[in-house]
mmCIF file of all heavy atoms, coordinates in Angstrom:
data_MODEL
# 
_entry.id   MODEL 
# 
loop_
_atom_site.group_PDB 
_atom_site.id 
_atom_site.type_symbol 
_atom_site.label_atom_id 
_atom_site.label_alt_id 
_atom_site.label_comp_id 
_atom_site.label_asym_id 
_atom_site.label_entity_id 
_atom_site.label_seq_id 
_atom_site.pdbx_PDB_ins_code 
_atom_site.Cartn_x 
_atom_site.Cartn_y 
_atom_site.Cartn_z 
_atom_site.occupancy 
_atom_site.B_iso_or_equiv 
_atom_site.pdbx_formal_charge 
_atom_site.auth_seq_id 
_atom_site.auth_comp_id 
_atom_site.auth_asym_id 
_atom_site.auth_atom_id 
_atom_site.pdbx_PDB_model_num 
ATOM 1   N N   . ILE A 1 1  ? 22.501 -19.123 -2.617  1.00 0.00 ? 1  ILE A N   1 
ATOM 2   C CA  . ILE A 1 1  ? 22.656 -20.272 -3.480  1.00 0.00 ? 1  ILE A CA  1 
ATOM 3   C C   . ILE A 1 1  ? 24.150 -20.533 -3.669  1.00 0.00 ? 1  ILE A C   1 
ATOM 4   O O   . ILE A 1 1  ? 24.954 -19.621 -3.736  1.00 0.00 ? 1  ILE A O   1 
ATOM 5   C CB  . ILE A 1 1  ? 21.991 -20.058 -4.859  1.00 0.00 ? 1  ILE A CB  1 
ATOM 6   C CG1 . ILE A 1 1  ? 21.977 -21.326 -5.664  1.00 0.00 ? 1  ILE A CG1 1 
ATOM 7   C CG2 . ILE A 1 1  ? 22.622 -18.904 -5.613  1.00 0.00 ? 1  ILE A CG2 1 
ATOM 8   C CD1 . ILE A 1 1  ? 21.110 -21.266 -6.923  1.00 0.00 ? 1  ILE A CD1 1 
ATOM 9   N N   . SER A 1 2  ? 24.519 -21.800 -3.692  1.00 0.00 ? 2  SER A N   1 
ATOM 10  C CA  . SER A 1 2  ? 25.892 -22.197 -3.882  1.00 0.00 ? 2  SER A CA  1 
ATOM 11  C C   . SER A 1 2  ? 25.925 -23.544 -4.617  1.00 0.00 ? 2  SER A C   1 
ATOM 12  O O   . SER A 1 2  ? 24.890 -24.186 -4.767  1.00 0.00 ? 2  SER A O   1 
ATOM 13  C CB  . SER A 1 2  ? 26.644 -22.282 -2.566  1.00 0.00 ? 2  SER A CB  1 
ATOM 14  O OG  . SER A 1 2  ? 26.073 -23.240 -1.699  1.00 0.00 ? 2  SER A OG  1 
ATOM 15  N N   . ARG A 1 3  ? 27.091 -23.949 -5.048  1.00 0.00 ? 3  ARG A N   1 
ATOM 16  C CA  . ARG A 1 3  ? 27.201 -25.246 -5.736  1.00 0.00 ? 3  ARG A CA  1 
ATOM 17  C C   . ARG A 1 3  ? 28.545 -25.893 -5.459  1.00 0.00 ? 3  ARG A C   1 
ATOM 18  O O   . ARG A 1 3  ? 29.533 -25.225 -5.147  1.00 0.00 ? 3  ARG A O   1 
ATOM 19  C CB  . ARG A 1 3  ? 26.996 -25.054 -7.233  1.00 0.00 ? 3  ARG A CB  1 
ATOM 20  C CG  . ARG A 1 3  ? 28.086 -24.270 -7.953  1.00 0.00 ? 3  ARG A CG  1 
ATOM 21  C CD  . ARG A 1 3  ? 27.725 -23.962 -9.378  1.00 0.00 ? 3  ARG A CD  1 
ATOM 22  N NE  . ARG A 1 3  ? 27.699 -25.168 -10.225 1.00 0.00 ? 3  ARG A NE  1 
ATOM 23  C CZ  . ARG A 1 3  ? 27.208 -25.215 -11.465 1.00 0.00 ? 3  ARG A CZ  1 
ATOM 24  N NH1 . ARG A 1 3  ? 26.654 -24.126 -11.982 1.00 0.00 ? 3  ARG A NH1 1 
ATOM 25  N NH2 . ARG A 1 3  ? 27.245 -26.345 -12.159 1.00 0.00 ? 3  ARG A NH2 1 
ATOM 26  N N   . ASP A 1 4  ? 28.530 -27.195 -5.580  1.00 0.00 ? 4  ASP A N   1 
ATOM 27  C CA  . ASP A 1 4  ? 29.732 -28.008 -5.523  1.00 0.00 ? 4  ASP A CA  1 
ATOM 28  C C   . ASP A 1 4  ? 29.834 -28.713 -6.858  1.00 0.00 ? 4  ASP A C   1 
ATOM 29  O O   . ASP A 1 4  ? 29.196 -29.734 -7.068  1.00 0.00 ? 4  ASP A O   1 
ATOM 30  C CB  . ASP A 1 4  ? 29.677 -29.000 -4.386  1.00 0.00 ? 4  ASP A CB  1 
ATOM 31  C CG  . ASP A 1 4  ? 30.942 -29.794 -4.200  1.00 0.00 ? 4  ASP A CG  1 
ATOM 32  O OD1 . ASP A 1 4  ? 31.766 -29.834 -5.136  1.00 0.00 ? 4  ASP A OD1 1 
ATOM 33  O OD2 . ASP A 1 4  ? 31.146 -30.355 -3.112  1.00 0.00 ? 4  ASP A OD2 1 
ATOM 34  N N   . SER A 1 5  ? 30.623 -28.172 -7.753  1.00 0.00 ? 5  SER A N   1 
ATOM 35  C CA  . SER A 1 5  ? 30.683 -28.677 -9.114  1.00 0.00 ? 5  SER A CA  1 
ATOM 36  C C   . SER A 1 5  ? 31.203 -30.109 -9.154  1.00 0.00 ? 5  SER A C   1 
ATOM 37  O O   . SER A 1 5  ? 30.776 -30.899 -10.016 1.00 0.00 ? 5  SER A O   1 
ATOM 38  C CB  . SER A 1 5  ? 31.531 -27.780 -9.994  1.00 0.00 ? 5  SER A CB  1 
ATOM 39  O OG  . SER A 1 5  ? 30.960 -26.491 -10.121 1.00 0.00 ? 5  SER A OG  1 
ATOM 40  N N   . ALA A 1 6  ? 32.117 -30.445 -8.276  1.00 0.00 ? 6  ALA A N   1 
ATOM 41  C CA  . ALA A 1 6  ? 32.664 -31.808 -8.225  1.00 0.00 ? 6  ALA A CA  1 
ATOM 42  C C   . ALA A 1 6  ? 31.597 -32.825 -7.909  1.00 0.00 ? 6  ALA A C   1 
ATOM 43  O O   . ALA A 1 6  ? 31.726 -34.009 -8.296  1.00 0.00 ? 6  ALA A O   1 
ATOM 44  C CB  . ALA A 1 6  ? 33.817 -31.886 -7.252  1.00 0.00 ? 6  ALA A CB  1 
ATOM 45  N N   . LYS A 1 7  ? 30.564 -32.421 -7.223  1.00 0.00 ? 7  LYS A N   1 
ATOM 46  C CA  . LYS A 1 7  ? 29.486 -33.331 -6.827  1.00 0.00 ? 7  LYS A CA  1 
ATOM 47  C C   . LYS A 1 7  ? 28.201 -33.109 -7.637  1.00 0.00 ? 7  LYS A C   1 
ATOM 48  O O   . LYS A 1 7  ? 27.181 -33.731 -7.356  1.00 0.00 ? 7  LYS A O   1 
ATOM 49  C CB  . LYS A 1 7  ? 29.193 -33.210 -5.334  1.00 0.00 ? 7  LYS A CB  1 
ATOM 50  C CG  . LYS A 1 7  ? 30.371 -33.525 -4.463  1.00 0.00 ? 7  LYS A CG  1 
ATOM 51  C CD  . LYS A 1 7  ? 30.104 -33.193 -2.987  1.00 0.00 ? 7  LYS A CD  1 
ATOM 52  C CE  . LYS A 1 7  ? 28.985 -34.011 -2.419  1.00 0.00 ? 7  LYS A CE  1 
ATOM 53  N NZ  . LYS A 1 7  ? 28.806 -33.765 -0.957  1.00 0.00 ? 7  LYS A NZ  1 
ATOM 54  N N   . ASN A 1 8  ? 28.254 -32.178 -8.594  1.00 0.00 ? 8  ASN A N   1 
ATOM 55  C CA  . ASN A 1 8  ? 27.062 -31.834 -9.400  1.00 0.00 ? 8  ASN A CA  1 
ATOM 56  C C   . ASN A 1 8  ? 25.877 -31.510 -8.502  1.00 0.00 ? 8  ASN A C   1 
ATOM 57  O O   . ASN A 1 8  ? 24.747 -31.942 -8.736  1.00 0.00 ? 8  ASN A O   1 
ATOM 58  C CB  . ASN A 1 8  ? 26.701 -32.986 -10.356 1.00 0.00 ? 8  ASN A CB  1 
ATOM 59  C CG  . ASN A 1 8  ? 27.712 -33.142 -11.474 1.00 0.00 ? 8  ASN A CG  1 
ATOM 60  O OD1 . ASN A 1 8  ? 28.378 -32.189 -11.863 1.00 0.00 ? 8  ASN A OD1 1 
ATOM 61  N ND2 . ASN A 1 8  ? 27.843 -34.376 -11.952 1.00 0.00 ? 8  ASN A ND2 1 
ATOM 62  N N   . THR A 1 9  ? 26.137 -30.712 -7.497  1.00 0.00 ? 9  THR A N   1 
ATOM 63  C CA  . THR A 1 9  ? 25.156 -30.414 -6.486  1.00 0.00 ? 9  THR A CA  1 
ATOM 64  C C   . THR A 1 9  ? 25.013 -28.914 -6.297  1.00 0.00 ? 9  THR A C   1 
ATOM 65  O O   . THR A 1 9  ? 26.015 -28.190 -6.261  1.00 0.00 ? 9  THR A O   1 
ATOM 66  C CB  . THR A 1 9  ? 25.521 -31.075 -5.151  1.00 0.00 ? 9  THR A CB  1 
ATOM 67  O OG1 . THR A 1 9  ? 25.569 -32.489 -5.332  1.00 0.00 ? 9  THR A OG1 1 
ATOM 68  C CG2 . THR A 1 9  ? 24.474 -30.774 -4.086  1.00 0.00 ? 9  THR A CG2 1 
ATOM 69  N N   . VAL A 1 10 ? 23.765 -28.465 -6.149  1.00 0.00 ? 10 VAL A N   1 
ATOM 70  C CA  . VAL A 1 10 ? 23.489 -27.084 -5.829  1.00 0.00 ? 10 VAL A CA  1 
ATOM 71  C C   . VAL A 1 10 ? 22.752 -27.044 -4.517  1.00 0.00 ? 10 VAL A C   1 
ATOM 72  O O   . VAL A 1 10 ? 21.986 -27.950 -4.170  1.00 0.00 ? 10 VAL A O   1 
ATOM 73  C CB  . VAL A 1 10 ? 22.660 -26.419 -6.971  1.00 0.00 ? 10 VAL A CB  1 
ATOM 74  C CG1 . VAL A 1 10 ? 21.279 -27.093 -7.109  1.00 0.00 ? 10 VAL A CG1 1 
ATOM 75  C CG2 . VAL A 1 10 ? 22.500 -24.928 -6.731  1.00 0.00 ? 10 VAL A CG2 1 
ATOM 76  N N   . TYR A 1 11 ? 22.991 -25.959 -3.760  1.00 0.00 ? 11 TYR A N   1 
ATOM 77  C CA  . TYR A 1 11 ? 22.409 -25.785 -2.439  1.00 0.00 ? 11 TYR A CA  1 
ATOM 78  C C   . TYR A 1 11 ? 21.648 -24.462 -2.386  1.00 0.00 ? 11 TYR A C   1 
ATOM 79  O O   . TYR A 1 11 ? 21.933 -23.524 -3.109  1.00 0.00 ? 11 TYR A O   1 
ATOM 80  C CB  . TYR A 1 11 ? 23.489 -25.791 -1.350  1.00 0.00 ? 11 TYR A CB  1 
ATOM 81  C CG  . TYR A 1 11 ? 24.381 -26.995 -1.402  1.00 0.00 ? 11 TYR A CG  1 
ATOM 82  C CD1 . TYR A 1 11 ? 25.605 -26.949 -2.087  1.00 0.00 ? 11 TYR A CD1 1 
ATOM 83  C CD2 . TYR A 1 11 ? 24.054 -28.180 -0.732  1.00 0.00 ? 11 TYR A CD2 1 
ATOM 84  C CE1 . TYR A 1 11 ? 26.433 -28.054 -2.110  1.00 0.00 ? 11 TYR A CE1 1 
ATOM 85  C CE2 . TYR A 1 11 ? 24.874 -29.265 -0.756  1.00 0.00 ? 11 TYR A CE2 1 
ATOM 86  C CZ  . TYR A 1 11 ? 26.077 -29.211 -1.449  1.00 0.00 ? 11 TYR A CZ  1 
ATOM 87  O OH  . TYR A 1 11 ? 26.907 -30.301 -1.480  1.00 0.00 ? 11 TYR A OH  1 
ATOM 88  N N   . LEU A 1 12 ? 20.689 -24.436 -1.485  1.00 0.00 ? 12 LEU A N   1 
ATOM 89  C CA  . LEU A 1 12 ? 19.995 -23.200 -1.181  1.00 0.00 ? 12 LEU A CA  1 
ATOM 90  C C   . LEU A 1 12 ? 19.885 -23.082 0.322   1.00 0.00 ? 12 LEU A C   1 
ATOM 91  O O   . LEU A 1 12 ? 19.123 -23.823 0.957   1.00 0.00 ? 12 LEU A O   1 
ATOM 92  C CB  . LEU A 1 12 ? 18.602 -23.169 -1.821  1.00 0.00 ? 12 LEU A CB  1 
ATOM 93  C CG  . LEU A 1 12 ? 17.834 -21.847 -1.639  1.00 0.00 ? 12 LEU A CG  1 
ATOM 94  C CD1 . LEU A 1 12 ? 18.511 -20.736 -2.447  1.00 0.00 ? 12 LEU A CD1 1 
ATOM 95  C CD2 . LEU A 1 12 ? 16.383 -21.995 -2.064  1.00 0.00 ? 12 LEU A CD2 1 
ATOM 96  N N   . GLN A 1 13 ? 20.650 -22.189 0.899   1.00 0.00 ? 13 GLN A N   1 
ATOM 97  C CA  . GLN A 1 13 ? 20.570 -21.912 2.327   1.00 0.00 ? 13 GLN A CA  1 
ATOM 98  C C   . GLN A 1 13 ? 19.518 -20.840 2.539   1.00 0.00 ? 13 GLN A C   1 
ATOM 99  O O   . GLN A 1 13 ? 19.612 -19.744 1.994   1.00 0.00 ? 13 GLN A O   1 
ATOM 100 C CB  . GLN A 1 13 ? 21.915 -21.408 2.848   1.00 0.00 ? 13 GLN A CB  1 
ATOM 101 C CG  . GLN A 1 13 ? 21.903 -21.061 4.331   1.00 0.00 ? 13 GLN A CG  1 
ATOM 102 C CD  . GLN A 1 13 ? 21.677 -22.243 5.224   1.00 0.00 ? 13 GLN A CD  1 
ATOM 103 O OE1 . GLN A 1 13 ? 22.328 -23.286 5.032   1.00 0.00 ? 13 GLN A OE1 1 
ATOM 104 N NE2 . GLN A 1 13 ? 20.781 -22.123 6.184   1.00 0.00 ? 13 GLN A NE2 1 
ATOM 105 N N   . MET A 1 14 ? 18.485 -21.175 3.306   1.00 0.00 ? 14 MET A N   1 
ATOM 106 C CA  . MET A 1 14 ? 17.359 -20.277 3.529   1.00 0.00 ? 14 MET A CA  1 
ATOM 107 C C   . MET A 1 14 ? 17.325 -19.892 4.999   1.00 0.00 ? 14 MET A C   1 
ATOM 108 O O   . MET A 1 14 ? 17.156 -20.769 5.881   1.00 0.00 ? 14 MET A O   1 
ATOM 109 C CB  . MET A 1 14 ? 16.049 -20.933 3.103   1.00 0.00 ? 14 MET A CB  1 
ATOM 110 C CG  . MET A 1 14 ? 16.037 -21.399 1.671   1.00 0.00 ? 14 MET A CG  1 
ATOM 111 S SD  . MET A 1 14 ? 14.402 -22.004 1.150   1.00 0.00 ? 14 MET A SD  1 
ATOM 112 C CE  . MET A 1 14 ? 14.264 -23.451 2.181   1.00 0.00 ? 14 MET A CE  1 
ATOM 113 N N   . ASN A 1 15 ? 17.472 -18.613 5.270   1.00 0.00 ? 15 ASN A N   1 
ATOM 114 C CA  . ASN A 1 15 ? 17.464 -18.082 6.635   1.00 0.00 ? 15 ASN A CA  1 
ATOM 115 C C   . ASN A 1 15 ? 16.296 -17.150 6.817   1.00 0.00 ? 15 ASN A C   1 
ATOM 116 O O   . ASN A 1 15 ? 15.766 -16.581 5.853   1.00 0.00 ? 15 ASN A O   1 
ATOM 117 C CB  . ASN A 1 15 ? 18.776 -17.372 6.936   1.00 0.00 ? 15 ASN A CB  1 
ATOM 118 C CG  . ASN A 1 15 ? 19.981 -18.269 6.864   1.00 0.00 ? 15 ASN A CG  1 
ATOM 119 O OD1 . ASN A 1 15 ? 19.932 -19.437 7.222   1.00 0.00 ? 15 ASN A OD1 1 
ATOM 120 N ND2 . ASN A 1 15 ? 21.095 -17.692 6.404   1.00 0.00 ? 15 ASN A ND2 1 
ATOM 121 N N   . ASN A 1 16 ? 15.911 -16.948 8.076   1.00 0.00 ? 16 ASN A N   1 
ATOM 122 C CA  . ASN A 1 16 ? 14.834 -16.029 8.417   1.00 0.00 ? 16 ASN A CA  1 
ATOM 123 C C   . ASN A 1 16 ? 13.576 -16.321 7.586   1.00 0.00 ? 16 ASN A C   1 
ATOM 124 O O   . ASN A 1 16 ? 12.988 -15.419 6.975   1.00 0.00 ? 16 ASN A O   1 
ATOM 125 C CB  . ASN A 1 16 ? 15.275 -14.572 8.217   1.00 0.00 ? 16 ASN A CB  1 
ATOM 126 C CG  . ASN A 1 16 ? 14.322 -13.595 8.880   1.00 0.00 ? 16 ASN A CG  1 
ATOM 127 O OD1 . ASN A 1 16 ? 13.598 -13.932 9.801   1.00 0.00 ? 16 ASN A OD1 1 
ATOM 128 N ND2 . ASN A 1 16 ? 14.304 -12.359 8.371   1.00 0.00 ? 16 ASN A ND2 1 
ATOM 129 N N   . LEU A 1 17 ? 13.182 -17.548 7.589   1.00 0.00 ? 17 LEU A N   1 
ATOM 130 C CA  . LEU A 1 17 ? 12.013 -17.968 6.803   1.00 0.00 ? 17 LEU A CA  1 
ATOM 131 C C   . LEU A 1 17 ? 10.746 -17.395 7.371   1.00 0.00 ? 17 LEU A C   1 
ATOM 132 O O   . LEU A 1 17 ? 10.592 -17.217 8.601   1.00 0.00 ? 17 LEU A O   1 
ATOM 133 C CB  . LEU A 1 17 ? 11.946 -19.481 6.767   1.00 0.00 ? 17 LEU A CB  1 
ATOM 134 C CG  . LEU A 1 17 ? 12.990 -20.161 5.858   1.00 0.00 ? 17 LEU A CG  1 
ATOM 135 C CD1 . LEU A 1 17 ? 13.120 -21.632 6.214   1.00 0.00 ? 17 LEU A CD1 1 
ATOM 136 C CD2 . LEU A 1 17 ? 12.612 -19.977 4.405   1.00 0.00 ? 17 LEU A CD2 1 
ATOM 137 N N   . SER A 1 18 ? 9.808  -17.141 6.501   1.00 0.00 ? 18 SER A N   1 
ATOM 138 C CA  . SER A 1 18 ? 8.500  -16.649 6.881   1.00 0.00 ? 18 SER A CA  1 
ATOM 139 C C   . SER A 1 18 ? 7.421  -17.541 6.268   1.00 0.00 ? 18 SER A C   1 
ATOM 140 O O   . SER A 1 18 ? 7.708  -18.299 5.332   1.00 0.00 ? 18 SER A O   1 
ATOM 141 C CB  . SER A 1 18 ? 8.301  -15.209 6.410   1.00 0.00 ? 18 SER A CB  1 
ATOM 142 O OG  . SER A 1 18 ? 8.208  -15.121 5.004   1.00 0.00 ? 18 SER A OG  1 
ATOM 143 N N   . PRO A 1 19 ? 6.194  -17.497 6.755   1.00 0.00 ? 19 PRO A N   1 
ATOM 144 C CA  . PRO A 1 19 ? 5.138  -18.310 6.195   1.00 0.00 ? 19 PRO A CA  1 
ATOM 145 C C   . PRO A 1 19 ? 4.958  -18.086 4.691   1.00 0.00 ? 19 PRO A C   1 
ATOM 146 O O   . PRO A 1 19 ? 4.516  -19.000 3.983   1.00 0.00 ? 19 PRO A O   1 
ATOM 147 C CB  . PRO A 1 19 ? 3.890  -17.886 6.963   1.00 0.00 ? 19 PRO A CB  1 
ATOM 148 C CG  . PRO A 1 19 ? 4.432  -17.469 8.293   1.00 0.00 ? 19 PRO A CG  1 
ATOM 149 C CD  . PRO A 1 19 ? 5.720  -16.800 7.973   1.00 0.00 ? 19 PRO A CD  1 
ATOM 150 N N   . GLU A 1 20 ? 5.273  -16.904 4.208   1.00 0.00 ? 20 GLU A N   1 
ATOM 151 C CA  . GLU A 1 20 ? 5.157  -16.623 2.770   1.00 0.00 ? 20 GLU A CA  1 
ATOM 152 C C   . GLU A 1 20 ? 6.149  -17.450 1.924   1.00 0.00 ? 20 GLU A C   1 
ATOM 153 O O   . GLU A 1 20 ? 5.996  -17.505 0.718   1.00 0.00 ? 20 GLU A O   1 
ATOM 154 C CB  . GLU A 1 20 ? 5.355  -15.139 2.512   1.00 0.00 ? 20 GLU A CB  1 
ATOM 155 C CG  . GLU A 1 20 ? 4.214  -14.240 3.002   1.00 0.00 ? 20 GLU A CG  1 
ATOM 156 C CD  . GLU A 1 20 ? 4.140  -14.141 4.514   1.00 0.00 ? 20 GLU A CD  1 
ATOM 157 O OE1 . GLU A 1 20 ? 5.194  -14.219 5.165   1.00 0.00 ? 20 GLU A OE1 1 
ATOM 158 O OE2 . GLU A 1 20 ? 3.012  -14.009 5.046   1.00 0.00 ? 20 GLU A OE2 1 
ATOM 159 N N   . ASP A 1 21 ? 7.139  -18.017 2.560   1.00 0.00 ? 21 ASP A N   1 
ATOM 160 C CA  . ASP A 1 21 ? 8.083  -18.867 1.854   1.00 0.00 ? 21 ASP A CA  1 
ATOM 161 C C   . ASP A 1 21 ? 7.590  -20.291 1.663   1.00 0.00 ? 21 ASP A C   1 
ATOM 162 O O   . ASP A 1 21 ? 8.262  -21.095 1.005   1.00 0.00 ? 21 ASP A O   1 
ATOM 163 C CB  . ASP A 1 21 ? 9.435  -18.894 2.588   1.00 0.00 ? 21 ASP A CB  1 
ATOM 164 C CG  . ASP A 1 21 ? 10.082 -17.532 2.636   1.00 0.00 ? 21 ASP A CG  1 
ATOM 165 O OD1 . ASP A 1 21 ? 10.124 -16.855 1.600   1.00 0.00 ? 21 ASP A OD1 1 
ATOM 166 O OD2 . ASP A 1 21 ? 10.604 -17.162 3.717   1.00 0.00 ? 21 ASP A OD2 1 
ATOM 167 N N   . THR A 1 22 ? 6.445  -20.610 2.237   1.00 0.00 ? 22 THR A N   1 
ATOM 168 C CA  . THR A 1 22 ? 5.911  -21.943 2.105   1.00 0.00 ? 22 THR A CA  1 
ATOM 169 C C   . THR A 1 22 ? 5.606  -22.254 0.644   1.00 0.00 ? 22 THR A C   1 
ATOM 170 O O   . THR A 1 22 ? 4.875  -21.509 -0.010  1.00 0.00 ? 22 THR A O   1 
ATOM 171 C CB  . THR A 1 22 ? 4.617  -22.105 2.930   1.00 0.00 ? 22 THR A CB  1 
ATOM 172 O OG1 . THR A 1 22 ? 4.949  -21.976 4.324   1.00 0.00 ? 22 THR A OG1 1 
ATOM 173 C CG2 . THR A 1 22 ? 3.957  -23.444 2.703   1.00 0.00 ? 22 THR A CG2 1 
ATOM 174 N N   . ALA A 1 23 ? 6.179  -23.316 0.137   1.00 0.00 ? 23 ALA A N   1 
ATOM 175 C CA  . ALA A 1 23 ? 6.039  -23.673 -1.268  1.00 0.00 ? 23 ALA A CA  1 
ATOM 176 C C   . ALA A 1 23 ? 6.754  -24.993 -1.507  1.00 0.00 ? 23 ALA A C   1 
ATOM 177 O O   . ALA A 1 23 ? 7.492  -25.482 -0.664  1.00 0.00 ? 23 ALA A O   1 
ATOM 178 C CB  . ALA A 1 23 ? 6.608  -22.595 -2.169  1.00 0.00 ? 23 ALA A CB  1 
ATOM 179 N N   . VAL A 1 24 ? 6.533  -25.521 -2.696  1.00 0.00 ? 24 VAL A N   1 
ATOM 180 C CA  . VAL A 1 24 ? 7.365  -26.616 -3.184  1.00 0.00 ? 24 VAL A CA  1 
ATOM 181 C C   . VAL A 1 24 ? 8.532  -25.988 -3.934  1.00 0.00 ? 24 VAL A C   1 
ATOM 182 O O   . VAL A 1 24 ? 8.345  -25.173 -4.820  1.00 0.00 ? 24 VAL A O   1 
ATOM 183 C CB  . VAL A 1 24 ? 6.585  -27.557 -4.119  1.00 0.00 ? 24 VAL A CB  1 
ATOM 184 C CG1 . VAL A 1 24 ? 7.527  -28.652 -4.662  1.00 0.00 ? 24 VAL A CG1 1 
ATOM 185 C CG2 . VAL A 1 24 ? 5.430  -28.202 -3.372  1.00 0.00 ? 24 VAL A CG2 1 
ATOM 186 N N   . TYR A 1 25 ? 9.740  -26.375 -3.548  1.00 0.00 ? 25 TYR A N   1 
ATOM 187 C CA  . TYR A 1 25 ? 10.936 -25.840 -4.145  1.00 0.00 ? 25 TYR A CA  1 
ATOM 188 C C   . TYR A 1 25 ? 11.508 -26.845 -5.140  1.00 0.00 ? 25 TYR A C   1 
ATOM 189 O O   . TYR A 1 25 ? 11.714 -28.008 -4.819  1.00 0.00 ? 25 TYR A O   1 
ATOM 190 C CB  . TYR A 1 25 ? 11.977 -25.498 -3.080  1.00 0.00 ? 25 TYR A CB  1 
ATOM 191 C CG  . TYR A 1 25 ? 11.616 -24.243 -2.323  1.00 0.00 ? 25 TYR A CG  1 
ATOM 192 C CD1 . TYR A 1 25 ? 10.563 -24.198 -1.426  1.00 0.00 ? 25 TYR A CD1 1 
ATOM 193 C CD2 . TYR A 1 25 ? 12.353 -23.066 -2.491  1.00 0.00 ? 25 TYR A CD2 1 
ATOM 194 C CE1 . TYR A 1 25 ? 10.211 -23.051 -0.754  1.00 0.00 ? 25 TYR A CE1 1 
ATOM 195 C CE2 . TYR A 1 25 ? 12.015 -21.900 -1.823  1.00 0.00 ? 25 TYR A CE2 1 
ATOM 196 C CZ  . TYR A 1 25 ? 10.955 -21.900 -0.961  1.00 0.00 ? 25 TYR A CZ  1 
ATOM 197 O OH  . TYR A 1 25 ? 10.612 -20.758 -0.291  1.00 0.00 ? 25 TYR A OH  1 
# 
């Protein structure tokens, strides 16, 4: 997880995803 405070934006970089990660985020 990371953020750019100047843009009021948060990010979530997701790597090595598996079917168990299937969801609404």
